[in-house]
C-alpha cells in the first residue's frame, strides 16, 4: 500500500513540530525552572532555576546560533556529528560558569543537583559524539520526563509518552537511527535521571 503525498507532508510536519518544540534547550530549561521544587520556598525560588537555565541553555544556544550564522556549524540541531563535541564542550564551559554563579548566590541544592545531572549527560554525549550520534533530543526528553514524574508523582506519568513521540520525530526526519534514539532515551531516563536522583538525595538531605 502506497502512502499519499499528503500523509507524508503531515507526518513530516508533525515530526518537525515535535523536534522544534521539544528540542533540548527548551526541555532542559523547563526541567531547571522546576528544579527548586523539592525544597521549601517554591515557587518563590524559581528564579534560581531561571538563573541555571540561563547558563545551561540560553547562553549556549545563543553562542550556537552565532556559530550557525557564521557558517561554523551546520544548524542549531548540530546535525553534523563531527561538530558536536566542540559545541558540547562549549556548553560545558557555560555550565561550569553557571555553577560558580549558583554557588555564589547560595542557590537551592536541588538546583545544583539538576545542573550536575545535565553536566553528566553533556559530558557523555561529548565523549560519544566523535564516534556515534546518540540522540540528544531523546536523552533530554527522557531525563526530563522521568525526573518530573519522580518529583510530581504518578499522576504525571503520561509525560513519558513524549519520549517515544520525540524519538519518532528524529527518526522520521532522518536525524538519527532507531538505535540512536533508543540509546538516548535509555541514557537520559536511567543515567541522567539516576544521577539527579542520587545527587538530590545527598545534597538536599
N, C-alpha and C. Protein backbone atom coordinates (compact mmCIF):
# COMPACT_ATOMS: atom_id res chain seq x y z
N UNK A 1 0.85 -1.19 0.00
CA UNK A 1 0.00 0.00 0.00
C UNK A 1 0.89 1.24 0.00
N UNK A 2 0.63 2.16 -0.91
CA UNK A 2 1.44 3.36 -1.01
C UNK A 2 0.94 4.44 -0.04
N UNK A 3 1.83 5.29 0.37
CA UNK A 3 1.49 6.39 1.27
C UNK A 3 1.32 7.65 0.43
N UNK A 4 0.21 8.34 0.59
CA UNK A 4 -0.06 9.53 -0.20
C UNK A 4 0.90 10.65 0.17
N UNK A 5 1.09 11.56 -0.80
CA UNK A 5 1.99 12.69 -0.55
C UNK A 5 1.46 13.57 0.58
N UNK A 6 0.12 13.65 0.69
CA UNK A 6 -0.47 14.43 1.78
C UNK A 6 -0.15 13.85 3.13
N UNK A 7 -0.19 12.52 3.24
CA UNK A 7 0.13 11.86 4.51
C UNK A 7 1.59 12.06 4.88
N UNK A 8 2.44 12.02 3.85
CA UNK A 8 3.87 12.23 4.09
C UNK A 8 4.12 13.66 4.59
N UNK A 9 3.44 14.62 3.98
CA UNK A 9 3.60 16.01 4.42
C UNK A 9 3.14 16.20 5.86
N UNK A 10 2.00 15.60 6.20
CA UNK A 10 1.51 15.70 7.58
C UNK A 10 2.48 15.05 8.55
N UNK A 11 2.99 13.88 8.17
CA UNK A 11 3.96 13.18 9.03
C UNK A 11 5.21 14.01 9.25
N UNK A 12 5.75 14.55 8.17
CA UNK A 12 6.97 15.34 8.27
C UNK A 12 6.74 16.63 9.05
N UNK A 13 5.59 17.26 8.83
CA UNK A 13 5.27 18.49 9.56
C UNK A 13 5.16 18.20 11.05
N UNK A 14 4.50 17.10 11.39
CA UNK A 14 4.37 16.72 12.80
C UNK A 14 5.73 16.44 13.42
N UNK A 15 6.58 15.74 12.67
CA UNK A 15 7.92 15.42 13.17
C UNK A 15 8.74 16.68 13.39
N UNK A 16 8.66 17.63 12.46
CA UNK A 16 9.40 18.89 12.62
C UNK A 16 8.89 19.68 13.82
N UNK A 17 7.58 19.67 14.01
CA UNK A 17 6.98 20.39 15.15
C UNK A 17 7.47 19.80 16.46
N UNK A 18 7.44 18.48 16.57
CA UNK A 18 7.90 17.81 17.80
C UNK A 18 9.38 18.09 18.05
N UNK A 19 10.17 18.04 16.98
CA UNK A 19 11.61 18.27 17.11
C UNK A 19 11.92 19.67 17.60
N UNK A 20 11.20 20.67 17.07
CA UNK A 20 11.48 22.05 17.44
C UNK A 20 10.93 22.40 18.83
N UNK A 21 9.70 21.98 19.11
CA UNK A 21 9.07 22.31 20.40
C UNK A 21 9.79 21.64 21.56
N UNK A 22 10.23 20.39 21.34
CA UNK A 22 10.86 19.65 22.43
C UNK A 22 12.36 19.48 22.20
N UNK A 23 12.99 20.50 21.64
CA UNK A 23 14.44 20.45 21.49
C UNK A 23 15.09 20.59 22.86
N UNK A 24 16.31 20.07 23.05
CA UNK A 24 16.96 20.03 24.36
C UNK A 24 16.97 21.35 25.13
N UNK A 25 17.31 22.51 24.53
CA UNK A 25 17.33 23.74 25.33
C UNK A 25 15.98 24.07 25.96
N UNK A 26 14.89 23.80 25.23
CA UNK A 26 13.56 24.07 25.76
C UNK A 26 13.22 23.10 26.89
N UNK A 27 13.44 21.83 26.64
CA UNK A 27 13.10 20.79 27.63
C UNK A 27 13.92 20.96 28.91
N UNK A 28 15.22 21.16 28.76
CA UNK A 28 16.08 21.30 29.93
C UNK A 28 15.77 22.58 30.70
N UNK A 29 15.40 23.65 29.98
CA UNK A 29 15.03 24.89 30.67
C UNK A 29 13.83 24.68 31.58
N UNK A 30 12.81 23.99 31.09
CA UNK A 30 11.63 23.70 31.91
C UNK A 30 12.03 22.85 33.11
N UNK A 31 12.87 21.88 32.85
CA UNK A 31 13.35 21.00 33.92
C UNK A 31 14.07 21.80 35.01
N UNK A 32 14.87 22.76 34.61
CA UNK A 32 15.61 23.57 35.58
C UNK A 32 14.70 24.55 36.32
N UNK A 33 13.69 25.07 35.63
CA UNK A 33 12.77 26.00 36.29
C UNK A 33 12.05 25.35 37.47
N UNK A 34 11.72 24.07 37.34
CA UNK A 34 11.02 23.38 38.43
C UNK A 34 11.98 22.67 39.38
N UNK A 35 13.28 22.77 39.13
CA UNK A 35 14.25 22.04 39.95
C UNK A 35 14.25 22.44 41.43
N UNK A 36 13.85 23.69 41.81
CA UNK A 36 13.82 24.00 43.24
C UNK A 36 12.65 23.37 43.99
N UNK A 37 11.74 22.72 43.27
CA UNK A 37 10.51 22.21 43.88
C UNK A 37 10.72 21.32 45.10
N UNK A 38 11.74 20.43 45.13
CA UNK A 38 11.89 19.54 46.29
C UNK A 38 12.19 20.26 47.60
N UNK A 39 12.60 21.53 47.54
CA UNK A 39 12.96 22.25 48.76
C UNK A 39 11.92 23.32 49.09
N UNK A 40 11.94 23.75 50.33
CA UNK A 40 10.98 24.76 50.78
C UNK A 40 11.20 26.08 50.03
N UNK A 41 10.11 26.82 49.84
CA UNK A 41 10.21 28.13 49.22
C UNK A 41 9.71 28.21 47.80
N UNK A 42 9.49 27.07 47.16
CA UNK A 42 8.98 27.06 45.79
C UNK A 42 7.52 27.50 45.79
N UNK A 43 7.05 28.34 44.87
CA UNK A 43 7.72 28.79 43.64
C UNK A 43 8.56 30.06 43.78
N UNK A 44 8.69 30.58 45.02
CA UNK A 44 9.49 31.79 45.20
C UNK A 44 10.94 31.61 44.80
N UNK A 45 11.40 30.36 44.77
CA UNK A 45 12.79 30.09 44.42
C UNK A 45 12.98 29.79 42.94
N UNK A 46 11.93 29.97 42.15
CA UNK A 46 12.02 29.61 40.73
C UNK A 46 13.05 30.47 40.00
N UNK A 47 13.36 31.63 40.56
CA UNK A 47 14.37 32.49 39.95
C UNK A 47 15.74 31.81 39.88
N UNK A 48 16.04 30.96 40.86
CA UNK A 48 17.30 30.22 40.83
C UNK A 48 17.31 29.24 39.66
N UNK A 49 16.15 28.62 39.42
CA UNK A 49 16.05 27.72 38.28
C UNK A 49 16.22 28.48 36.98
N UNK A 50 15.66 29.70 36.92
CA UNK A 50 15.81 30.52 35.72
C UNK A 50 17.27 30.91 35.51
N UNK A 51 17.97 31.21 36.60
CA UNK A 51 19.39 31.56 36.51
C UNK A 51 20.19 30.37 35.97
N UNK A 52 19.86 29.17 36.47
CA UNK A 52 20.52 27.97 35.97
C UNK A 52 20.24 27.76 34.49
N UNK A 53 18.97 27.96 34.10
CA UNK A 53 18.61 27.79 32.69
C UNK A 53 19.35 28.78 31.80
N UNK A 54 19.63 29.97 32.32
CA UNK A 54 20.36 30.99 31.55
C UNK A 54 21.73 30.46 31.13
N UNK A 55 22.46 29.86 32.09
CA UNK A 55 23.81 29.39 31.81
C UNK A 55 23.82 28.02 31.12
N UNK A 56 22.85 27.17 31.45
CA UNK A 56 22.84 25.81 30.90
C UNK A 56 22.25 25.77 29.50
N UNK A 57 21.25 26.62 29.23
CA UNK A 57 20.53 26.53 27.96
C UNK A 57 20.60 27.78 27.10
N UNK A 58 20.27 28.93 27.69
CA UNK A 58 20.12 30.15 26.89
C UNK A 58 21.45 30.62 26.31
N UNK A 59 22.46 30.78 27.15
CA UNK A 59 23.76 31.28 26.67
C UNK A 59 24.38 30.31 25.64
N UNK A 60 24.44 28.98 25.93
CA UNK A 60 24.97 28.07 24.90
C UNK A 60 24.19 28.12 23.59
N UNK A 61 22.85 28.26 23.68
CA UNK A 61 22.05 28.32 22.46
C UNK A 61 22.36 29.58 21.67
N UNK A 62 22.52 30.71 22.35
CA UNK A 62 22.85 31.95 21.66
C UNK A 62 24.21 31.85 20.98
N UNK A 63 25.18 31.26 21.67
CA UNK A 63 26.51 31.08 21.07
C UNK A 63 26.40 30.16 19.85
N UNK A 64 25.61 29.10 19.98
CA UNK A 64 25.42 28.16 18.87
C UNK A 64 24.80 28.86 17.67
N UNK A 65 23.79 29.69 17.91
CA UNK A 65 23.15 30.40 16.80
C UNK A 65 24.13 31.34 16.09
N UNK A 66 25.02 31.94 16.86
CA UNK A 66 26.06 32.79 16.26
C UNK A 66 26.98 31.94 15.39
N UNK A 67 27.35 30.76 15.89
CA UNK A 67 28.22 29.87 15.12
C UNK A 67 27.54 29.40 13.83
N UNK A 68 26.24 29.16 13.92
CA UNK A 68 25.48 28.76 12.72
C UNK A 68 25.49 29.90 11.71
N UNK A 69 25.26 31.11 12.20
CA UNK A 69 25.21 32.28 11.32
C UNK A 69 26.57 32.53 10.66
N UNK A 70 27.64 32.20 11.39
CA UNK A 70 29.00 32.38 10.85
C UNK A 70 29.39 31.25 9.91
N UNK A 71 28.57 30.19 9.86
CA UNK A 71 28.88 29.06 9.00
C UNK A 71 29.80 28.04 9.62
N UNK A 72 30.05 28.18 10.92
CA UNK A 72 30.93 27.24 11.61
C UNK A 72 30.22 25.94 11.97
N UNK A 73 28.90 26.01 12.11
CA UNK A 73 28.08 24.85 12.46
C UNK A 73 26.92 24.79 11.47
N UNK A 74 26.54 23.58 11.08
CA UNK A 74 25.54 23.42 10.02
C UNK A 74 24.17 23.97 10.40
N UNK A 75 23.68 23.67 11.59
CA UNK A 75 22.35 24.09 12.02
C UNK A 75 22.26 24.03 13.53
N UNK A 76 21.15 24.55 14.10
CA UNK A 76 21.06 24.64 15.55
C UNK A 76 20.83 23.29 16.23
N UNK A 77 20.57 22.24 15.42
CA UNK A 77 20.49 20.89 15.99
C UNK A 77 21.84 20.17 15.90
N UNK A 78 22.84 20.84 15.33
CA UNK A 78 24.20 20.29 15.15
C UNK A 78 24.10 18.90 14.51
N UNK A 79 23.55 18.87 13.30
CA UNK A 79 23.30 17.60 12.62
C UNK A 79 24.59 16.88 12.22
N UNK A 80 25.66 17.64 11.99
CA UNK A 80 26.94 17.03 11.64
C UNK A 80 27.60 16.49 12.90
N UNK A 81 27.75 15.18 12.96
CA UNK A 81 28.31 14.54 14.16
C UNK A 81 29.67 15.08 14.52
N UNK A 82 30.50 15.42 13.55
CA UNK A 82 31.86 15.90 13.82
C UNK A 82 31.87 17.24 14.55
N UNK A 83 30.79 18.00 14.41
CA UNK A 83 30.73 19.32 15.04
C UNK A 83 30.19 19.25 16.47
N UNK A 84 29.71 18.10 16.88
CA UNK A 84 29.00 18.02 18.17
C UNK A 84 29.92 18.17 19.37
N UNK A 85 31.04 17.51 19.37
CA UNK A 85 31.93 17.55 20.54
C UNK A 85 32.36 18.97 20.89
N UNK A 86 32.85 19.78 19.92
CA UNK A 86 33.22 21.17 20.27
C UNK A 86 32.05 21.99 20.80
N UNK A 87 30.87 21.80 20.20
CA UNK A 87 29.70 22.55 20.67
C UNK A 87 29.33 22.13 22.09
N UNK A 88 29.39 20.84 22.37
CA UNK A 88 29.05 20.36 23.70
C UNK A 88 30.09 20.80 24.73
N UNK A 89 31.34 20.86 24.33
CA UNK A 89 32.38 21.35 25.24
C UNK A 89 32.16 22.83 25.55
N UNK A 90 31.73 23.58 24.55
CA UNK A 90 31.39 24.99 24.79
C UNK A 90 30.26 25.09 25.81
N UNK A 91 29.25 24.22 25.65
CA UNK A 91 28.14 24.21 26.59
C UNK A 91 28.61 23.87 28.00
N UNK A 92 29.54 22.93 28.11
CA UNK A 92 30.06 22.57 29.43
C UNK A 92 30.77 23.76 30.09
N UNK A 93 31.47 24.56 29.28
CA UNK A 93 32.12 25.75 29.82
C UNK A 93 31.10 26.74 30.38
N UNK A 94 30.02 26.93 29.65
CA UNK A 94 28.95 27.82 30.12
C UNK A 94 28.32 27.29 31.41
N UNK A 95 28.11 25.98 31.46
CA UNK A 95 27.50 25.36 32.64
C UNK A 95 28.42 25.50 33.85
N UNK A 96 29.73 25.31 33.63
CA UNK A 96 30.70 25.46 34.73
C UNK A 96 30.64 26.87 35.31
N UNK A 97 30.54 27.87 34.42
CA UNK A 97 30.40 29.25 34.89
C UNK A 97 29.10 29.41 35.67
N UNK A 98 28.05 28.77 35.19
CA UNK A 98 26.76 28.84 35.89
C UNK A 98 26.82 28.24 37.27
N UNK A 99 27.54 27.14 37.43
CA UNK A 99 27.67 26.51 38.74
C UNK A 99 28.37 27.44 39.73
N UNK A 100 29.37 28.17 39.25
CA UNK A 100 30.06 29.13 40.12
C UNK A 100 29.12 30.23 40.57
N UNK A 101 28.30 30.72 39.63
CA UNK A 101 27.34 31.77 39.97
C UNK A 101 26.29 31.25 40.94
N UNK A 102 25.78 30.07 40.69
CA UNK A 102 24.76 29.48 41.57
C UNK A 102 25.31 29.28 42.98
N UNK A 103 26.56 28.89 43.07
CA UNK A 103 27.18 28.72 44.39
C UNK A 103 27.34 30.08 45.08
N UNK A 104 27.68 31.10 44.30
CA UNK A 104 27.89 32.44 44.86
C UNK A 104 26.60 33.04 45.41
N UNK A 105 25.47 32.72 44.78
CA UNK A 105 24.19 33.28 45.23
C UNK A 105 23.46 32.33 46.18
N UNK A 106 24.13 31.24 46.57
CA UNK A 106 23.57 30.27 47.51
C UNK A 106 22.24 29.70 47.00
N UNK A 107 22.27 29.21 45.77
CA UNK A 107 21.07 28.64 45.16
C UNK A 107 20.67 27.35 45.88
N UNK A 108 19.40 26.98 45.83
CA UNK A 108 18.95 25.72 46.45
C UNK A 108 19.76 24.55 45.92
N UNK A 109 20.04 23.61 46.81
CA UNK A 109 20.88 22.47 46.43
C UNK A 109 20.22 21.60 45.37
N UNK A 110 18.90 21.59 45.34
CA UNK A 110 18.20 20.81 44.32
C UNK A 110 18.48 21.34 42.92
N UNK A 111 18.69 22.65 42.80
CA UNK A 111 19.03 23.25 41.51
C UNK A 111 20.42 22.79 41.08
N UNK A 112 21.35 22.81 42.02
CA UNK A 112 22.71 22.35 41.73
C UNK A 112 22.71 20.89 41.32
N UNK A 113 21.90 20.08 41.98
CA UNK A 113 21.81 18.66 41.64
C UNK A 113 21.34 18.47 40.21
N UNK A 114 20.35 19.27 39.80
CA UNK A 114 19.84 19.15 38.45
C UNK A 114 20.89 19.57 37.42
N UNK A 115 21.61 20.65 37.72
CA UNK A 115 22.65 21.11 36.80
C UNK A 115 23.75 20.06 36.67
N UNK A 116 24.13 19.44 37.77
CA UNK A 116 25.18 18.41 37.73
C UNK A 116 24.73 17.19 36.93
N UNK A 117 23.45 16.87 37.01
CA UNK A 117 22.92 15.76 36.20
C UNK A 117 23.04 16.09 34.71
N UNK A 118 22.76 17.35 34.37
CA UNK A 118 22.91 17.80 32.98
C UNK A 118 24.38 17.74 32.57
N UNK A 119 25.26 18.14 33.47
CA UNK A 119 26.70 18.08 33.18
C UNK A 119 27.11 16.66 32.82
N UNK A 120 26.63 15.69 33.61
CA UNK A 120 26.95 14.30 33.32
C UNK A 120 26.49 13.89 31.94
N UNK A 121 25.28 14.30 31.59
CA UNK A 121 24.74 13.96 30.28
C UNK A 121 25.50 14.59 29.14
N UNK A 122 25.79 15.88 29.27
CA UNK A 122 26.52 16.60 28.22
C UNK A 122 27.93 16.04 28.05
N UNK A 123 28.58 15.69 29.17
CA UNK A 123 29.93 15.15 29.10
C UNK A 123 29.96 13.82 28.34
N UNK A 124 29.01 12.96 28.63
CA UNK A 124 28.95 11.66 27.93
C UNK A 124 28.63 11.85 26.45
N UNK A 125 27.68 12.73 26.14
CA UNK A 125 27.35 12.99 24.74
C UNK A 125 28.56 13.53 23.99
N UNK A 126 29.33 14.41 24.65
CA UNK A 126 30.53 14.97 24.02
C UNK A 126 31.56 13.88 23.76
N UNK A 127 31.69 12.93 24.69
CA UNK A 127 32.67 11.85 24.53
C UNK A 127 32.25 10.86 23.43
N UNK A 128 30.95 10.64 23.32
CA UNK A 128 30.44 9.66 22.36
C UNK A 128 30.34 10.24 20.95
N UNK A 129 30.08 11.53 20.84
CA UNK A 129 29.78 12.16 19.55
C UNK A 129 30.80 11.93 18.44
N UNK A 130 32.11 11.92 18.73
CA UNK A 130 33.05 11.69 17.62
C UNK A 130 32.90 10.31 16.98
N UNK A 131 32.26 9.38 17.69
CA UNK A 131 32.17 8.02 17.20
C UNK A 131 30.74 7.60 16.81
N UNK A 132 29.76 8.21 17.50
CA UNK A 132 28.37 7.79 17.29
C UNK A 132 27.44 8.94 17.65
N UNK A 133 26.35 9.07 16.90
CA UNK A 133 25.47 10.22 17.06
C UNK A 133 24.25 9.87 17.92
N UNK A 134 24.48 9.66 19.21
CA UNK A 134 23.37 9.38 20.13
C UNK A 134 22.45 10.59 20.22
N UNK A 135 21.16 10.36 20.28
CA UNK A 135 20.18 11.44 20.22
C UNK A 135 20.13 12.28 21.49
N UNK A 136 20.49 13.55 21.35
CA UNK A 136 20.36 14.48 22.48
C UNK A 136 18.91 14.82 22.76
N UNK A 137 18.08 14.87 21.70
CA UNK A 137 16.66 15.12 21.88
C UNK A 137 16.03 14.04 22.76
N UNK A 138 16.32 12.79 22.42
CA UNK A 138 15.74 11.68 23.18
C UNK A 138 16.25 11.65 24.61
N UNK A 139 17.55 11.93 24.78
CA UNK A 139 18.13 11.92 26.13
C UNK A 139 17.51 13.00 27.00
N UNK A 140 17.39 14.22 26.46
CA UNK A 140 16.84 15.33 27.23
C UNK A 140 15.38 15.08 27.59
N UNK A 141 14.60 14.61 26.61
CA UNK A 141 13.17 14.38 26.86
C UNK A 141 12.96 13.27 27.87
N UNK A 142 13.73 12.21 27.74
CA UNK A 142 13.60 11.08 28.65
C UNK A 142 13.98 11.47 30.08
N UNK A 143 15.10 12.18 30.21
CA UNK A 143 15.55 12.62 31.53
C UNK A 143 14.50 13.52 32.18
N UNK A 144 14.01 14.51 31.42
CA UNK A 144 13.05 15.46 31.96
C UNK A 144 11.75 14.77 32.37
N UNK A 145 11.27 13.86 31.52
CA UNK A 145 10.01 13.17 31.82
C UNK A 145 10.12 12.33 33.08
N UNK A 146 11.21 11.58 33.19
CA UNK A 146 11.39 10.72 34.37
C UNK A 146 11.55 11.56 35.63
N UNK A 147 12.36 12.61 35.54
CA UNK A 147 12.58 13.46 36.71
C UNK A 147 11.28 14.13 37.16
N UNK A 148 10.49 14.63 36.21
CA UNK A 148 9.24 15.29 36.57
C UNK A 148 8.23 14.32 37.20
N UNK A 149 8.21 13.11 36.71
CA UNK A 149 7.33 12.10 37.32
C UNK A 149 7.79 11.79 38.75
N UNK A 150 9.10 11.67 38.94
CA UNK A 150 9.63 11.42 40.28
C UNK A 150 9.35 12.58 41.23
N UNK A 151 9.41 13.81 40.70
CA UNK A 151 9.19 14.99 41.53
C UNK A 151 7.72 15.24 41.83
N UNK A 152 6.87 15.05 40.80
CA UNK A 152 5.48 15.46 40.91
C UNK A 152 4.50 14.33 41.19
N UNK A 153 4.96 13.08 41.01
CA UNK A 153 4.11 11.95 41.35
C UNK A 153 3.56 11.20 40.15
N UNK A 154 2.93 10.04 40.39
CA UNK A 154 2.45 9.15 39.32
C UNK A 154 1.43 9.81 38.38
N UNK A 155 0.72 10.83 38.85
CA UNK A 155 -0.28 11.48 38.00
C UNK A 155 0.36 12.09 36.75
N UNK A 156 1.65 12.32 36.79
CA UNK A 156 2.35 12.92 35.66
C UNK A 156 2.99 11.88 34.74
N UNK A 157 2.70 10.60 34.97
CA UNK A 157 3.27 9.53 34.15
C UNK A 157 3.01 9.70 32.65
N UNK A 158 1.85 10.25 32.22
CA UNK A 158 1.65 10.45 30.78
C UNK A 158 2.74 11.26 30.08
N UNK A 159 3.52 12.03 30.85
CA UNK A 159 4.63 12.76 30.24
C UNK A 159 5.61 11.82 29.55
N UNK A 160 5.68 10.59 30.03
CA UNK A 160 6.62 9.62 29.45
C UNK A 160 6.27 9.31 27.99
N UNK A 161 5.02 9.56 27.59
CA UNK A 161 4.62 9.32 26.20
C UNK A 161 5.34 10.27 25.23
N UNK A 162 5.84 11.38 25.77
CA UNK A 162 6.57 12.32 24.92
C UNK A 162 7.91 11.74 24.46
N UNK A 163 8.43 10.78 25.21
CA UNK A 163 9.74 10.20 24.86
C UNK A 163 9.67 9.47 23.52
N UNK A 164 8.75 8.50 23.33
CA UNK A 164 8.68 7.86 22.01
C UNK A 164 8.23 8.83 20.91
N UNK A 165 7.42 9.82 21.26
CA UNK A 165 6.97 10.78 20.25
C UNK A 165 8.14 11.59 19.70
N UNK A 166 8.97 12.13 20.59
CA UNK A 166 10.13 12.91 20.16
C UNK A 166 11.14 12.01 19.45
N UNK A 167 11.33 10.79 19.96
CA UNK A 167 12.25 9.85 19.32
C UNK A 167 11.79 9.53 17.90
N UNK A 168 10.49 9.31 17.74
CA UNK A 168 9.91 9.06 16.40
C UNK A 168 10.21 10.21 15.46
N UNK A 169 10.07 11.44 15.96
CA UNK A 169 10.29 12.61 15.10
C UNK A 169 11.73 12.66 14.58
N UNK A 170 12.68 12.27 15.41
CA UNK A 170 14.08 12.33 14.99
C UNK A 170 14.39 11.27 13.93
N UNK A 171 13.72 10.11 14.05
CA UNK A 171 13.91 9.05 13.05
C UNK A 171 13.24 9.44 11.73
N UNK A 172 12.03 9.98 11.81
CA UNK A 172 11.30 10.40 10.61
C UNK A 172 12.09 11.44 9.84
N UNK A 173 12.72 12.36 10.55
CA UNK A 173 13.50 13.42 9.90
C UNK A 173 14.89 12.94 9.48
N UNK A 174 15.16 11.66 9.73
CA UNK A 174 16.44 11.04 9.36
C UNK A 174 17.63 11.70 10.06
N UNK A 175 17.37 12.25 11.24
CA UNK A 175 18.44 12.84 12.03
C UNK A 175 19.17 11.77 12.84
N UNK A 176 18.45 10.66 13.12
CA UNK A 176 19.02 9.57 13.90
C UNK A 176 18.45 8.25 13.44
N UNK A 177 19.16 7.19 13.77
CA UNK A 177 18.65 5.84 13.54
C UNK A 177 17.82 5.42 14.75
N UNK A 178 16.98 4.37 14.61
CA UNK A 178 16.24 3.88 15.78
C UNK A 178 17.16 3.53 16.95
N UNK A 179 18.31 2.95 16.66
CA UNK A 179 19.24 2.58 17.74
C UNK A 179 19.74 3.81 18.48
N UNK A 180 19.96 4.90 17.76
CA UNK A 180 20.48 6.12 18.39
C UNK A 180 19.45 6.79 19.29
N UNK A 181 18.17 6.74 18.91
CA UNK A 181 17.15 7.34 19.78
C UNK A 181 16.84 6.44 20.97
N UNK A 182 16.91 5.13 20.77
CA UNK A 182 16.71 4.21 21.90
C UNK A 182 17.83 4.39 22.91
N UNK A 183 19.07 4.48 22.42
CA UNK A 183 20.21 4.68 23.32
C UNK A 183 20.07 6.01 24.07
N UNK A 184 19.67 7.06 23.36
CA UNK A 184 19.49 8.36 24.01
C UNK A 184 18.40 8.32 25.06
N UNK A 185 17.29 7.64 24.75
CA UNK A 185 16.19 7.54 25.70
C UNK A 185 16.60 6.80 26.96
N UNK A 186 17.28 5.69 26.79
CA UNK A 186 17.73 4.91 27.95
C UNK A 186 18.77 5.68 28.77
N UNK A 187 19.67 6.35 28.07
CA UNK A 187 20.70 7.11 28.77
C UNK A 187 20.07 8.24 29.59
N UNK A 188 19.16 9.00 28.97
CA UNK A 188 18.53 10.11 29.68
C UNK A 188 17.67 9.65 30.84
N UNK A 189 16.84 8.64 30.58
CA UNK A 189 15.88 8.20 31.59
C UNK A 189 16.50 7.41 32.73
N UNK A 190 17.60 6.73 32.46
CA UNK A 190 18.21 5.90 33.50
C UNK A 190 19.47 6.54 34.10
N UNK A 191 20.37 6.99 33.25
CA UNK A 191 21.65 7.51 33.75
C UNK A 191 21.52 8.95 34.24
N UNK A 192 21.03 9.85 33.37
CA UNK A 192 20.93 11.26 33.76
C UNK A 192 19.92 11.45 34.90
N UNK A 193 18.74 10.85 34.75
CA UNK A 193 17.75 10.95 35.82
C UNK A 193 18.25 10.26 37.08
N UNK A 194 19.01 9.18 36.90
CA UNK A 194 19.58 8.48 38.06
C UNK A 194 20.60 9.34 38.80
N UNK A 195 21.42 10.07 38.05
CA UNK A 195 22.38 10.99 38.67
C UNK A 195 21.64 12.04 39.49
N UNK A 196 20.57 12.60 38.90
CA UNK A 196 19.78 13.60 39.63
C UNK A 196 19.20 13.00 40.90
N UNK A 197 18.65 11.81 40.81
CA UNK A 197 18.01 11.16 41.96
C UNK A 197 19.00 10.97 43.11
N UNK A 198 20.20 10.52 42.77
CA UNK A 198 21.22 10.30 43.79
C UNK A 198 21.70 11.61 44.38
N UNK A 199 21.98 12.59 43.51
CA UNK A 199 22.51 13.86 44.00
C UNK A 199 21.49 14.64 44.82
N UNK A 200 20.23 14.68 44.38
CA UNK A 200 19.26 15.46 45.14
C UNK A 200 19.02 14.82 46.50
N UNK A 201 19.14 13.50 46.58
CA UNK A 201 19.01 12.83 47.87
C UNK A 201 20.17 13.18 48.80
N UNK A 202 21.39 13.27 48.21
CA UNK A 202 22.56 13.57 49.03
C UNK A 202 22.64 15.04 49.41
N UNK A 203 22.35 15.92 48.41
CA UNK A 203 22.52 17.36 48.63
C UNK A 203 21.39 17.98 49.43
N UNK A 204 20.16 17.51 49.19
CA UNK A 204 19.01 18.12 49.85
C UNK A 204 18.80 17.58 51.25
N UNK A 205 19.29 16.36 51.47
CA UNK A 205 19.09 15.74 52.80
C UNK A 205 19.76 16.54 53.91
